[in-house]
Amino acid sequence: MCPCCEASLRVDPVTRAVISHTPKPVARTFADMEAAAKAMREGDVRKESLFRQSVENEKNKADLLDKKFAEAVKKAKEAPDMSKPLLRDFDLD
């Protein structure tokens, strides 16, 4: 028995090599087709709500970027004028 995947392993006792590997049987996800169809419909509803949320986030993204840009422009206007070279102490000598 594999401790990781719970598969059945046949090991040769002499060489200690794996001779065969039988994977663990996978349990059914749904009992019948009705349950599977219901899960698909619920998944579609969830996908639609996630899409609507992402559309709303994209609409708000433009406003957020405009606010950030306005703040950056405000900071740039308050910053000292860098077009003129700064005078250093040894420039005055």
N, C-alpha and C. Protein backbone atom coordinates (compact mmCIF):
# COMPACT_ATOMS: atom_id res chain seq x y z
N MET A 1 0.86 -1.18 0.00
CA MET A 1 0.00 0.00 0.00
C MET A 1 0.90 1.24 0.00
N CYS A 2 0.66 2.13 -0.96
CA CYS A 2 1.43 3.37 -1.05
C CYS A 2 0.90 4.35 -0.01
N PRO A 3 1.77 4.94 0.82
CA PRO A 3 1.29 5.87 1.85
C PRO A 3 0.80 7.20 1.27
N CYS A 4 1.25 7.55 0.09
CA CYS A 4 0.85 8.84 -0.49
C CYS A 4 -0.49 8.78 -1.22
N CYS A 5 -0.59 7.83 -2.17
CA CYS A 5 -1.80 7.77 -3.00
C CYS A 5 -2.70 6.59 -2.67
N GLU A 6 -2.34 5.80 -1.71
CA GLU A 6 -3.11 4.64 -1.27
C GLU A 6 -3.35 3.62 -2.39
N ALA A 7 -2.41 3.53 -3.32
CA ALA A 7 -2.50 2.55 -4.40
C ALA A 7 -1.91 1.23 -3.91
N SER A 8 -2.31 0.15 -4.57
CA SER A 8 -1.76 -1.17 -4.24
C SER A 8 -0.47 -1.37 -5.00
N LEU A 9 0.57 -1.74 -4.30
CA LEU A 9 1.88 -1.98 -4.92
C LEU A 9 2.27 -3.43 -4.68
N ARG A 10 2.85 -4.05 -5.72
CA ARG A 10 3.44 -5.38 -5.56
C ARG A 10 4.94 -5.20 -5.66
N VAL A 11 5.63 -5.62 -4.63
CA VAL A 11 7.07 -5.43 -4.55
C VAL A 11 7.75 -6.80 -4.54
N ASP A 12 8.79 -6.93 -5.36
CA ASP A 12 9.59 -8.15 -5.38
C ASP A 12 10.45 -8.17 -4.11
N PRO A 13 10.31 -9.19 -3.26
CA PRO A 13 11.05 -9.20 -2.00
C PRO A 13 12.56 -9.36 -2.19
N VAL A 14 12.99 -9.95 -3.25
CA VAL A 14 14.42 -10.16 -3.46
C VAL A 14 15.08 -8.88 -3.94
N THR A 15 14.54 -8.29 -4.99
CA THR A 15 15.16 -7.07 -5.56
C THR A 15 14.61 -5.79 -4.94
N ARG A 16 13.54 -5.92 -4.21
CA ARG A 16 12.86 -4.77 -3.59
C ARG A 16 12.44 -3.72 -4.63
N ALA A 17 12.04 -4.19 -5.78
CA ALA A 17 11.57 -3.32 -6.86
C ALA A 17 10.06 -3.47 -6.98
N VAL A 18 9.40 -2.39 -7.40
CA VAL A 18 7.95 -2.42 -7.60
C VAL A 18 7.66 -3.19 -8.89
N ILE A 19 6.86 -4.25 -8.77
CA ILE A 19 6.51 -5.07 -9.93
C ILE A 19 5.25 -4.53 -10.60
N SER A 20 4.25 -4.17 -9.81
CA SER A 20 3.01 -3.63 -10.38
C SER A 20 2.44 -2.56 -9.46
N HIS A 21 1.63 -1.72 -10.09
CA HIS A 21 1.01 -0.60 -9.38
C HIS A 21 -0.45 -0.55 -9.81
N THR A 22 -1.36 -0.65 -8.86
CA THR A 22 -2.79 -0.54 -9.13
C THR A 22 -3.32 0.69 -8.39
N PRO A 23 -3.74 1.73 -9.14
CA PRO A 23 -4.21 2.94 -8.47
C PRO A 23 -5.48 2.69 -7.65
N LYS A 24 -5.65 3.53 -6.65
CA LYS A 24 -6.83 3.46 -5.80
C LYS A 24 -8.07 3.77 -6.63
N PRO A 25 -9.14 3.02 -6.50
CA PRO A 25 -10.35 3.33 -7.26
C PRO A 25 -10.89 4.71 -6.85
N VAL A 26 -11.27 5.45 -7.86
CA VAL A 26 -11.79 6.79 -7.63
C VAL A 26 -13.27 6.71 -7.32
N ALA A 27 -13.66 7.34 -6.23
CA ALA A 27 -15.08 7.36 -5.85
C ALA A 27 -15.85 8.28 -6.79
N ARG A 28 -17.10 7.94 -7.03
CA ARG A 28 -17.93 8.78 -7.89
C ARG A 28 -18.19 10.12 -7.21
N THR A 29 -18.17 11.16 -8.01
CA THR A 29 -18.43 12.49 -7.48
C THR A 29 -19.92 12.70 -7.24
N PHE A 30 -20.73 12.21 -8.18
CA PHE A 30 -22.18 12.39 -8.09
C PHE A 30 -22.86 11.03 -8.11
N ALA A 31 -23.98 10.94 -7.38
CA ALA A 31 -24.72 9.67 -7.31
C ALA A 31 -25.47 9.40 -8.60
N ASP A 32 -26.02 10.44 -9.22
CA ASP A 32 -26.77 10.24 -10.45
C ASP A 32 -26.62 11.46 -11.36
N MET A 33 -27.23 11.38 -12.52
CA MET A 33 -27.12 12.47 -13.50
C MET A 33 -27.83 13.73 -13.04
N GLU A 34 -28.89 13.60 -12.28
CA GLU A 34 -29.62 14.78 -11.78
C GLU A 34 -28.72 15.61 -10.87
N ALA A 35 -27.99 14.95 -10.00
CA ALA A 35 -27.10 15.66 -9.09
C ALA A 35 -25.98 16.34 -9.87
N ALA A 36 -25.48 15.68 -10.90
CA ALA A 36 -24.43 16.27 -11.74
C ALA A 36 -24.96 17.49 -12.48
N ALA A 37 -26.17 17.40 -13.02
CA ALA A 37 -26.77 18.53 -13.75
C ALA A 37 -27.01 19.70 -12.81
N LYS A 38 -27.46 19.41 -11.60
CA LYS A 38 -27.70 20.47 -10.62
C LYS A 38 -26.38 21.16 -10.27
N ALA A 39 -25.32 20.38 -10.10
CA ALA A 39 -24.02 20.97 -9.79
C ALA A 39 -23.52 21.84 -10.95
N MET A 40 -23.78 21.42 -12.17
CA MET A 40 -23.39 22.22 -13.34
C MET A 40 -24.14 23.55 -13.37
N ARG A 41 -25.45 23.51 -13.07
CA ARG A 41 -26.22 24.76 -13.05
C ARG A 41 -25.71 25.69 -11.96
N GLU A 42 -25.41 25.14 -10.78
CA GLU A 42 -24.88 25.96 -9.70
C GLU A 42 -23.52 26.55 -10.07
N GLY A 43 -22.73 25.77 -10.78
CA GLY A 43 -21.43 26.26 -11.24
C GLY A 43 -21.59 27.41 -12.22
N ASP A 44 -22.59 27.30 -13.11
CA ASP A 44 -22.85 28.37 -14.07
C ASP A 44 -23.27 29.66 -13.36
N VAL A 45 -24.10 29.53 -12.35
CA VAL A 45 -24.53 30.71 -11.58
C VAL A 45 -23.33 31.35 -10.90
N ARG A 46 -22.46 30.53 -10.34
CA ARG A 46 -21.26 31.05 -9.66
C ARG A 46 -20.34 31.76 -10.65
N LYS A 47 -20.16 31.16 -11.83
CA LYS A 47 -19.31 31.79 -12.86
C LYS A 47 -19.88 33.14 -13.27
N GLU A 48 -21.19 33.21 -13.42
CA GLU A 48 -21.82 34.47 -13.82
C GLU A 48 -21.63 35.55 -12.76
N SER A 49 -21.77 35.18 -11.48
CA SER A 49 -21.59 36.17 -10.42
C SER A 49 -20.13 36.63 -10.35
N LEU A 50 -19.19 35.72 -10.56
CA LEU A 50 -17.78 36.13 -10.58
C LEU A 50 -17.49 37.06 -11.76
N PHE A 51 -18.11 36.79 -12.90
CA PHE A 51 -17.92 37.66 -14.06
C PHE A 51 -18.48 39.05 -13.80
N ARG A 52 -19.66 39.12 -13.22
CA ARG A 52 -20.26 40.43 -12.91
C ARG A 52 -19.39 41.21 -11.93
N GLN A 53 -18.84 40.49 -10.95
CA GLN A 53 -17.97 41.15 -9.98
C GLN A 53 -16.70 41.68 -10.65
N SER A 54 -16.15 40.93 -11.58
CA SER A 54 -14.94 41.40 -12.26
C SER A 54 -15.25 42.60 -13.16
N VAL A 55 -16.45 42.63 -13.75
CA VAL A 55 -16.85 43.79 -14.56
C VAL A 55 -16.96 45.03 -13.67
N GLU A 56 -17.55 44.88 -12.49
CA GLU A 56 -17.67 46.00 -11.56
C GLU A 56 -16.28 46.48 -11.12
N ASN A 57 -15.38 45.54 -10.87
CA ASN A 57 -14.02 45.91 -10.47
C ASN A 57 -13.32 46.69 -11.58
N GLU A 58 -13.55 46.31 -12.83
CA GLU A 58 -12.94 47.02 -13.95
C GLU A 58 -13.51 48.43 -14.08
N LYS A 59 -14.80 48.58 -13.81
CA LYS A 59 -15.40 49.93 -13.86
C LYS A 59 -14.80 50.81 -12.78
N ASN A 60 -14.62 50.28 -11.59
CA ASN A 60 -14.04 51.05 -10.50
C ASN A 60 -12.55 51.27 -10.68
N LYS A 61 -11.92 50.44 -11.47
CA LYS A 61 -10.48 50.54 -11.68
C LYS A 61 -10.11 51.88 -12.34
N ALA A 62 -10.92 52.33 -13.28
CA ALA A 62 -10.65 53.60 -13.95
C ALA A 62 -10.71 54.75 -12.96
N ASP A 63 -11.71 54.74 -12.08
CA ASP A 63 -11.82 55.80 -11.07
C ASP A 63 -10.63 55.78 -10.13
N LEU A 64 -10.23 54.60 -9.72
CA LEU A 64 -9.09 54.47 -8.83
C LEU A 64 -7.81 54.97 -9.48
N LEU A 65 -7.60 54.63 -10.74
CA LEU A 65 -6.41 55.11 -11.45
C LEU A 65 -6.44 56.62 -11.63
N ASP A 66 -7.62 57.19 -11.89
CA ASP A 66 -7.73 58.65 -12.00
C ASP A 66 -7.36 59.33 -10.69
N LYS A 67 -7.82 58.77 -9.57
CA LYS A 67 -7.49 59.35 -8.26
C LYS A 67 -5.99 59.26 -7.98
N LYS A 68 -5.40 58.12 -8.31
CA LYS A 68 -3.96 57.96 -8.11
C LYS A 68 -3.17 58.93 -8.97
N PHE A 69 -3.62 59.12 -10.21
CA PHE A 69 -2.94 60.06 -11.11
C PHE A 69 -3.06 61.49 -10.59
N ALA A 70 -4.25 61.87 -10.12
CA ALA A 70 -4.43 63.22 -9.58
C ALA A 70 -3.54 63.44 -8.37
N GLU A 71 -3.40 62.44 -7.52
CA GLU A 71 -2.53 62.55 -6.35
C GLU A 71 -1.07 62.68 -6.77
N ALA A 72 -0.67 61.95 -7.80
CA ALA A 72 0.71 62.04 -8.28
C ALA A 72 0.99 63.41 -8.88
N VAL A 73 0.01 63.97 -9.59
CA VAL A 73 0.19 65.31 -10.16
C VAL A 73 0.30 66.34 -9.04
N LYS A 74 -0.51 66.19 -8.00
CA LYS A 74 -0.47 67.10 -6.87
C LYS A 74 0.90 67.05 -6.18
N LYS A 75 1.43 65.84 -5.99
CA LYS A 75 2.75 65.71 -5.37
C LYS A 75 3.83 66.29 -6.26
N ALA A 76 3.70 66.13 -7.56
CA ALA A 76 4.69 66.66 -8.49
C ALA A 76 4.70 68.18 -8.47
N LYS A 77 3.54 68.80 -8.31
CA LYS A 77 3.47 70.26 -8.25
C LYS A 77 4.06 70.80 -6.96
N GLU A 78 3.92 70.02 -5.87
CA GLU A 78 4.46 70.45 -4.59
C GLU A 78 5.96 70.21 -4.48
N ALA A 79 6.50 69.34 -5.30
CA ALA A 79 7.93 69.02 -5.24
C ALA A 79 8.74 70.21 -5.77
N PRO A 80 9.98 70.32 -5.34
CA PRO A 80 10.82 71.43 -5.84
C PRO A 80 11.08 71.28 -7.33
N ASP A 81 11.34 72.42 -7.96
CA ASP A 81 11.60 72.44 -9.39
C ASP A 81 12.96 71.82 -9.67
N MET A 82 12.99 70.75 -10.40
CA MET A 82 14.24 70.05 -10.67
C MET A 82 14.83 70.44 -12.02
N SER A 83 14.22 71.40 -12.73
CA SER A 83 14.75 71.80 -14.02
C SER A 83 16.04 72.60 -13.86
N LYS A 84 16.17 73.32 -12.75
CA LYS A 84 17.41 74.05 -12.47
C LYS A 84 18.34 73.15 -11.68
N PRO A 85 19.62 73.18 -11.99
CA PRO A 85 20.53 72.33 -11.21
C PRO A 85 20.64 72.84 -9.78
N LEU A 86 20.74 71.95 -8.86
CA LEU A 86 20.89 72.31 -7.46
C LEU A 86 22.32 72.78 -7.20
N LEU A 87 22.43 73.79 -6.35
CA LEU A 87 23.76 74.28 -5.97
C LEU A 87 24.29 73.46 -4.82
N ARG A 88 25.48 72.98 -5.00
CA ARG A 88 26.11 72.20 -3.94
C ARG A 88 27.12 73.09 -3.24
N ASP A 89 27.59 72.71 -2.08
CA ASP A 89 28.52 73.52 -1.31
C ASP A 89 29.80 73.83 -2.08
N PHE A 90 30.33 72.86 -2.79
CA PHE A 90 31.59 73.13 -3.49
C PHE A 90 31.37 73.92 -4.78
N ASP A 91 30.13 74.09 -5.24
CA ASP A 91 29.85 74.95 -6.37
C ASP A 91 29.99 76.42 -5.96
N LEU A 92 29.84 76.73 -4.72
CA LEU A 92 29.90 78.12 -4.25
C LEU A 92 31.35 78.59 -4.04
N ASP A 93 32.29 77.70 -4.03
CA ASP A 93 33.70 78.10 -3.81
C ASP A 93 34.32 78.75 -4.98
